Amino acid sequence: MEWTFEEFKTSLDGLHPAVKEKALEIAKSLVIEKNYTKGNAIKEGIMKAEEWFYDLGG
């Protein structure tokens, strides 16, 4: 199954490419492993990816 999260494209468009990629990775994991809805997973994924990126000094 392809996890594109296309319905959340506008939420992802303004993100740095590395943050966007990490957010999708986190969101996919949350949907599969923790049974999150796609909406909640993408919100959580973006938040965690931004924290990850800023911790790296981005």
Protein backbone atom coordinates (compact mmCIF):
# COMPACT_ATOMS: atom_id res chain seq x y z
CA MET A 1 0.00 0.00 0.00
CA GLU A 2 1.33 3.42 -0.94
CA TRP A 3 1.27 5.98 1.86
CA THR A 4 1.10 9.33 0.10
CA PHE A 5 -1.04 11.39 2.49
CA GLU A 6 -2.13 13.37 -0.59
CA GLU A 7 -5.15 14.77 1.24
CA PHE A 8 -2.72 16.58 3.56
CA LYS A 9 -0.59 18.04 0.77
CA THR A 10 -1.31 21.64 1.81
CA SER A 11 -0.16 20.88 5.36
CA LEU A 12 3.12 19.56 4.01
CA ASP A 13 3.82 22.02 1.17
CA GLY A 14 5.44 24.75 3.26
CA LEU A 15 7.84 22.44 5.04
CA HIS A 16 11.55 22.09 4.41
CA PRO A 17 12.06 18.96 2.25
CA ALA A 18 13.89 17.12 5.05
CA VAL A 19 11.09 17.92 7.51
CA LYS A 20 8.45 16.83 5.01
CA GLU A 21 10.20 13.51 4.42
CA LYS A 22 10.66 12.88 8.15
CA ALA A 23 7.04 13.88 8.89
CA LEU A 24 5.76 11.35 6.35
CA GLU A 25 8.05 8.68 7.78
CA ILE A 26 6.78 9.34 11.30
CA ALA A 27 3.14 9.53 10.17
CA LYS A 28 3.38 6.22 8.32
CA SER A 29 4.83 4.60 11.42
CA LEU A 30 2.08 6.00 13.63
CA VAL A 31 -0.66 4.72 11.32
CA ILE A 32 0.85 1.25 11.08
CA GLU A 33 2.19 0.73 14.59
CA LYS A 34 -0.10 2.80 16.78
CA ASN A 35 -3.31 2.74 14.74
CA TYR A 36 -3.50 6.55 14.43
CA THR A 37 -5.88 8.07 11.90
CA LYS A 38 -4.08 9.65 8.96
CA GLY A 39 -5.14 13.14 10.12
CA ASN A 40 -3.79 12.70 13.63
CA ALA A 41 -0.69 10.93 12.36
CA ILE A 42 0.25 13.74 9.97
CA LYS A 43 -0.22 16.40 12.67
CA GLU A 44 1.92 14.45 15.11
CA GLY A 45 4.43 13.63 12.38
CA ILE A 46 4.87 17.28 11.41
CA MET A 47 5.33 18.34 15.01
CA LYS A 48 7.91 15.64 15.75
CA ALA A 49 9.72 16.19 12.44
CA GLU A 50 10.04 19.93 13.11
CA GLU A 51 11.46 19.20 16.55
CA TRP A 52 13.87 16.71 15.00
CA PHE A 53 14.97 19.23 12.38
CA TYR A 54 15.54 22.07 14.83
CA ASP A 55 17.44 19.75 17.16
CA LEU A 56 19.79 19.13 14.22
CA GLY A 57 20.33 22.87 13.89
CA GLY A 58 18.27 23.29 10.72
